[in-house]
Amino acid sequence: TRVRSSAASDVYKRQIHYQSVIRVPFIWADPATSGRGTRRNALTGTLDIAATILDRANLAPFNGMQSVSLMAVIDGARDRLRDGLVIEEEGQRVYMGFPGRVRMRTLVTERHRLSLYDGVDWGEFYDLQEDPHERVNLWGDRTEALRAAQDRLIREMIAIAETSPRPSALA
């Protein structure tokens, strides 16, 4: 079942990670970079800022750091660093009709946004190419694309899990 909302009811869509909140500009001003005045459209996160600063300072990232340096994108050597991004939310209050504090995980790709919430049996799945304003929730359609996005979110969550301290030997 597709859930359609009108522009007037967008505020009540029960979503937190909608595009106007998670897609914000990041401005890097650095006289040493070659990409002056260039706009990039890469999937990145605020966690990547630390790795970028360390890379720019020629310092190695610390063990367990989950971010990647944006310098290759900033300099124009690469168009993107990843084709998907996980956003984690651990809310501290109860709101929007949730039974407890809002806990959610979102996977964003160039094509889709999948958001899963703790404590409820529904989620959000949007085709961002066909529906850039996220007005048609495809969660109820149970398509192969939704299954693939759920699988991808699980794998991405495993990949970004804390790994430090690293063991010195196998048991």
C-alpha atoms as a PDB file:
ATOM      1  CA  THR A   1       0.000   0.000   0.000  1.00  0.00           C
ATOM      2  CA  ARG A   2       1.378   3.381  -0.961  1.00  0.00           C
ATOM      3  CA  VAL A   3       0.853   6.261   1.412  1.00  0.00           C
ATOM      4  CA  ARG A   4       0.445   9.582  -0.387  1.00  0.00           C
ATOM      5  CA  SER A   5       0.540  12.906   1.388  1.00  0.00           C
ATOM      6  CA  SER A   6      -0.306  16.330   0.071  1.00  0.00           C
ATOM      7  CA  ALA A   7       1.990  19.315   0.385  1.00  0.00           C
ATOM      8  CA  ALA A   8      -0.229  20.678   3.156  1.00  0.00           C
ATOM      9  CA  SER A   9       0.244  17.548   5.255  1.00  0.00           C
ATOM     10  CA  ASP A  10       4.021  17.110   4.757  1.00  0.00           C
ATOM     11  CA  VAL A  11       4.595  18.220   8.353  1.00  0.00           C
ATOM     12  CA  TYR A  12       2.624  15.186   9.549  1.00  0.00           C
ATOM     13  CA  LYS A  13       4.456  12.583   7.451  1.00  0.00           C
ATOM     14  CA  ARG A  14       6.002  11.028  10.560  1.00  0.00           C
ATOM     15  CA  GLN A  15       9.495  11.276   9.178  1.00  0.00           C
ATOM     16  CA  ILE A  16      12.629  12.659  10.673  1.00  0.00           C
ATOM     17  CA  HIS A  17      15.346  12.083   8.081  1.00  0.00           C
ATOM     18  CA  TYR A  18      13.670  13.786   5.146  1.00  0.00           C
ATOM     19  CA  GLN A  19      15.901  15.279   2.452  1.00  0.00           C
ATOM     20  CA  SER A  20      15.574  18.911   3.534  1.00  0.00           C
ATOM     21  CA  VAL A  21      17.077  17.954   6.899  1.00  0.00           C
ATOM     22  CA  ILE A  22      19.792  15.477   5.901  1.00  0.00           C
ATOM     23  CA  ARG A  23      20.991  17.104   2.657  1.00  0.00           C
ATOM     24  CA  VAL A  24      22.734  20.230   3.841  1.00  0.00           C
ATOM     25  CA  PRO A  25      25.649  22.078   2.234  1.00  0.00           C
ATOM     26  CA  PHE A  26      29.185  21.635   3.480  1.00  0.00           C
ATOM     27  CA  ILE A  27      31.597  24.408   2.570  1.00  0.00           C
ATOM     28  CA  TRP A  28      35.319  23.677   2.606  1.00  0.00           C
ATOM     29  CA  ALA A  29      37.530  26.747   2.340  1.00  0.00           C
ATOM     30  CA  ASP A  30      41.174  25.846   1.857  1.00  0.00           C
ATOM     31  CA  PRO A  31      43.657  27.834  -0.225  1.00  0.00           C
ATOM     32  CA  ALA A  32      45.644  24.657  -0.920  1.00  0.00           C
ATOM     33  CA  THR A  33      42.834  22.767  -2.685  1.00  0.00           C
ATOM     34  CA  SER A  34      42.328  22.847  -6.424  1.00  0.00           C
ATOM     35  CA  GLY A  35      38.530  22.734  -6.293  1.00  0.00           C
ATOM     36  CA  ARG A  36      37.958  26.424  -5.557  1.00  0.00           C
ATOM     37  CA  GLY A  37      34.382  27.453  -6.257  1.00  0.00           C
ATOM     38  CA  THR A  38      33.433  23.947  -7.349  1.00  0.00           C
ATOM     39  CA  ARG A  39      30.229  22.265  -6.301  1.00  0.00           C
ATOM     40  CA  ARG A  40      30.188  18.514  -5.618  1.00  0.00           C
ATOM     41  CA  ASN A  41      27.191  16.256  -5.042  1.00  0.00           C
ATOM     42  CA  ALA A  42      28.713  13.368  -3.098  1.00  0.00           C
ATOM     43  CA  LEU A  43      27.078  11.419  -0.255  1.00  0.00           C
ATOM     44  CA  THR A  44      29.009  12.429   2.841  1.00  0.00           C
ATOM     45  CA  GLY A  45      28.351  12.830   6.527  1.00  0.00           C
ATOM     46  CA  THR A  46      29.447  15.087   9.339  1.00  0.00           C
ATOM     47  CA  LEU A  47      31.558  12.216  10.637  1.00  0.00           C
ATOM     48  CA  ASP A  48      33.738  12.636   7.509  1.00  0.00           C
ATOM     49  CA  ILE A  49      34.856  16.094   8.642  1.00  0.00           C
ATOM     50  CA  ALA A  50      37.276  14.662  11.226  1.00  0.00           C
ATOM     51  CA  ALA A  51      38.969  12.341   8.718  1.00  0.00           C
ATOM     52  CA  THR A  52      39.179  15.195   6.221  1.00  0.00           C
ATOM     53  CA  ILE A  53      40.881  17.520   8.704  1.00  0.00           C
ATOM     54  CA  LEU A  54      43.316  14.783   9.728  1.00  0.00           C
ATOM     55  CA  ASP A  55      44.066  14.000   6.078  1.00  0.00           C
ATOM     56  CA  ARG A  56      44.604  17.680   5.269  1.00  0.00           C
ATOM     57  CA  ALA A  57      47.028  17.880   8.213  1.00  0.00           C
ATOM     58  CA  ASN A  58      48.820  14.728   6.960  1.00  0.00           C
ATOM     59  CA  LEU A  59      47.859  12.804  10.099  1.00  0.00           C
ATOM     60  CA  ALA A  60      46.650   9.209  10.149  1.00  0.00           C
ATOM     61  CA  PRO A  61      43.091   8.493  11.306  1.00  0.00           C
ATOM     62  CA  PHE A  62      42.812   6.747  14.663  1.00  0.00           C
ATOM     63  CA  ASN A  63      41.865   3.088  15.063  1.00  0.00           C
ATOM     64  CA  GLY A  64      38.121   2.560  14.822  1.00  0.00           C
ATOM     65  CA  MET A  65      37.400   5.814  13.007  1.00  0.00           C
ATOM     66  CA  GLN A  66      34.324   5.289  10.832  1.00  0.00           C
ATOM     67  CA  SER A  67      34.736   8.291   8.565  1.00  0.00           C
ATOM     68  CA  VAL A  68      36.529   8.781   5.270  1.00  0.00           C
ATOM     69  CA  SER A  69      38.445  11.814   4.093  1.00  0.00           C
ATOM     70  CA  LEU A  70      36.681  14.060   1.605  1.00  0.00           C
ATOM     71  CA  MET A  71      39.934  15.352   0.111  1.00  0.00           C
ATOM     72  CA  ALA A  72      39.672  13.191  -3.040  1.00  0.00           C
ATOM     73  CA  VAL A  73      36.220  14.668  -3.729  1.00  0.00           C
ATOM     74  CA  ILE A  74      37.270  18.200  -2.771  1.00  0.00           C
ATOM     75  CA  ASP A  75      40.266  18.030  -5.128  1.00  0.00           C
ATOM     76  CA  GLY A  76      38.144  16.531  -7.926  1.00  0.00           C
ATOM     77  CA  ALA A  77      40.057  13.241  -8.079  1.00  0.00           C
ATOM     78  CA  ARG A  78      36.827  11.322  -7.381  1.00  0.00           C
ATOM     79  CA  ASP A  79      33.145  12.072  -7.893  1.00  0.00           C
ATOM     80  CA  ARG A  80      32.091  10.170  -4.790  1.00  0.00           C
ATOM     81  CA  LEU A  81      33.464   8.169  -1.887  1.00  0.00           C
ATOM     82  CA  ARG A  82      30.498   5.921  -1.236  1.00  0.00           C
ATOM     83  CA  ASP A  83      27.194   5.013  -2.803  1.00  0.00           C
ATOM     84  CA  GLY A  84      25.282   4.776   0.457  1.00  0.00           C
ATOM     85  CA  LEU A  85      25.278   6.416   3.861  1.00  0.00           C
ATOM     86  CA  VAL A  86      23.864   5.317   7.221  1.00  0.00           C
ATOM     87  CA  ILE A  87      22.335   7.890   9.554  1.00  0.00           C
ATOM     88  CA  GLU A  88      21.755   6.905  13.174  1.00  0.00           C
ATOM     89  CA  GLU A  89      19.405   8.681  15.548  1.00  0.00           C
ATOM     90  CA  GLU A  90      19.094   8.075  19.268  1.00  0.00           C
ATOM     91  CA  GLY A  91      16.458  10.562  20.406  1.00  0.00           C
ATOM     92  CA  GLN A  92      16.189  11.634  24.008  1.00  0.00           C
ATOM     93  CA  ARG A  93      12.486  12.359  24.188  1.00  0.00           C
ATOM     94  CA  VAL A  94       9.131  10.881  23.248  1.00  0.00           C
ATOM     95  CA  TYR A  95       7.300  12.624  20.414  1.00  0.00           C
ATOM     96  CA  MET A  96       5.468  12.115  17.110  1.00  0.00           C
ATOM     97  CA  GLY A  97       3.365   9.289  18.547  1.00  0.00           C
ATOM     98  CA  PHE A  98       6.237   6.880  19.183  1.00  0.00           C
ATOM     99  CA  PRO A  99       5.878   4.579  22.215  1.00  0.00           C
ATOM    100  CA  GLY A 100       9.273   5.684  23.567  1.00  0.00           C
ATOM    101  CA  ARG A 101      12.205   7.819  22.601  1.00  0.00           C
ATOM    102  CA  VAL A 102      12.842   7.862  18.863  1.00  0.00           C
ATOM    103  CA  ARG A 103      15.530   5.403  17.811  1.00  0.00           C
ATOM    104  CA  MET A 104      16.050   4.951  14.102  1.00  0.00           C
ATOM    105  CA  ARG A 105      18.471   3.967  11.370  1.00  0.00           C
ATOM    106  CA  THR A 106      18.357   5.339   7.849  1.00  0.00           C
ATOM    107  CA  LEU A 107      20.115   4.244   4.683  1.00  0.00           C
ATOM    108  CA  VAL A 108      20.399   6.894   1.985  1.00  0.00           C
ATOM    109  CA  THR A 109      21.574   6.105  -1.533  1.00  0.00           C
ATOM    110  CA  GLU A 110      21.360   8.204  -4.667  1.00  0.00           C
ATOM    111  CA  ARG A 111      18.123   6.389  -5.492  1.00  0.00           C
ATOM    112  CA  HIS A 112      16.415   5.526  -2.182  1.00  0.00           C
ATOM    113  CA  ARG A 113      15.913   6.436   1.461  1.00  0.00           C
ATOM    114  CA  LEU A 114      15.020   3.677   3.917  1.00  0.00           C
ATOM    115  CA  SER A 115      14.249   4.543   7.553  1.00  0.00           C
ATOM    116  CA  LEU A 116      13.579   1.922  10.234  1.00  0.00           C
ATOM    117  CA  TYR A 117      12.274   2.831  13.674  1.00  0.00           C
ATOM    118  CA  ASP A 118      12.598   0.931  16.944  1.00  0.00           C
ATOM    119  CA  GLY A 119       9.330  -0.089  18.604  1.00  0.00           C
ATOM    120  CA  VAL A 120       6.976   0.271  15.615  1.00  0.00           C
ATOM    121  CA  ASP A 121       6.042  -2.102  12.804  1.00  0.00           C
ATOM    122  CA  TRP A 122       6.263   0.442   9.991  1.00  0.00           C
ATOM    123  CA  GLY A 123       9.067   2.242   8.234  1.00  0.00           C
ATOM    124  CA  GLU A 124       9.704   4.572   5.356  1.00  0.00           C
ATOM    125  CA  PHE A 125      10.981   3.769   1.884  1.00  0.00           C
ATOM    126  CA  TYR A 126      11.157   6.387  -0.833  1.00  0.00           C
ATOM    127  CA  ASP A 127      12.353   6.336  -4.435  1.00  0.00           C
ATOM    128  CA  LEU A 128      14.182   9.661  -4.517  1.00  0.00           C
ATOM    129  CA  GLN A 129      14.445   9.735  -8.305  1.00  0.00           C
ATOM    130  CA  GLU A 130      10.718   9.227  -8.879  1.00  0.00           C
ATOM    131  CA  ASP A 131       9.591  11.041  -5.727  1.00  0.00           C
ATOM    132  CA  PRO A 132      12.223  13.641  -4.691  1.00  0.00           C
ATOM    133  CA  HIS A 133       9.817  15.295  -2.228  1.00  0.00           C
ATOM    134  CA  GLU A 134       9.173  11.985  -0.432  1.00  0.00           C
ATOM    135  CA  ARG A 135       5.410  12.069  -0.715  1.00  0.00           C
ATOM    136  CA  VAL A 136       4.821   8.387  -1.575  1.00  0.00           C
ATOM    137  CA  ASN A 137       5.970   5.957   1.120  1.00  0.00           C
ATOM    138  CA  LEU A 138       6.639   2.628  -0.611  1.00  0.00           C
ATOM    139  CA  TRP A 139       7.043   0.709   2.666  1.00  0.00           C
ATOM    140  CA  GLY A 140       3.870  -1.331   2.159  1.00  0.00           C
ATOM    141  CA  ASP A 141       4.766  -2.386  -1.383  1.00  0.00           C
ATOM    142  CA  ARG A 142       7.313  -4.982  -0.158  1.00  0.00           C
ATOM    143  CA  THR A 143       9.280  -4.821  -3.403  1.00  0.00           C
ATOM    144  CA  GLU A 144      12.650  -6.344  -4.218  1.00  0.00           C
ATOM    145  CA  ALA A 145      14.111  -2.822  -3.970  1.00  0.00           C
ATOM    146  CA  LEU A 146      12.887  -2.568  -0.359  1.00  0.00           C
ATOM    147  CA  ARG A 147      14.297  -5.987   0.511  1.00  0.00           C
ATOM    148  CA  ALA A 148      17.634  -5.052  -1.061  1.00  0.00           C
ATOM    149  CA  ALA A 149      17.708  -1.758   0.878  1.00  0.00           C
ATOM    150  CA  GLN A 150      16.961  -3.561   4.167  1.00  0.00           C
ATOM    151  CA  ASP A 151      19.750  -6.052   3.447  1.00  0.00           C
ATOM    152  CA  ARG A 152      22.119  -3.218   2.584  1.00  0.00           C
ATOM    153  CA  LEU A 153      21.268  -1.335   5.793  1.00  0.00           C
ATOM    154  CA  ILE A 154      22.054  -4.427   7.861  1.00  0.00           C
ATOM    155  CA  ARG A 155      25.389  -4.901   6.091  1.00  0.00           C
ATOM    156  CA  GLU A 156      26.298  -1.221   6.427  1.00  0.00           C
ATOM    157  CA  MET A 157      25.488  -1.331  10.159  1.00  0.00           C
ATOM    158  CA  ILE A 158      27.866  -4.275  10.548  1.00  0.00           C
ATOM    159  CA  ALA A 159      30.548  -2.476   8.534  1.00  0.00           C
ATOM    160  CA  ILE A 160      30.431   0.683  10.670  1.00  0.00           C
ATOM    161  CA  ALA A 161      30.294  -1.117  14.025  1.00  0.00           C
ATOM    162  CA  GLU A 162      33.057  -0.246  16.475  1.00  0.00           C
ATOM    163  CA  THR A 163      36.113  -2.460  15.960  1.00  0.00           C
ATOM    164  CA  SER A 164      38.590  -1.167  18.487  1.00  0.00           C
ATOM    165  CA  PRO A 165      40.606  -2.217  20.237  1.00  0.00           C
ATOM    166  CA  ARG A 166      41.768  -4.605  17.595  1.00  0.00           C
ATOM    167  CA  PRO A 167      42.727  -8.041  18.907  1.00  0.00           C
ATOM    168  CA  SER A 168      46.419  -8.859  18.760  1.00  0.00           C
ATOM    169  CA  ALA A 169      45.776 -12.517  17.892  1.00  0.00           C
ATOM    170  CA  LEU A 170      42.958 -14.898  17.020  1.00  0.00           C
ATOM    171  CA  ALA A 171      41.627 -17.036  19.850  1.00  0.00           C
END
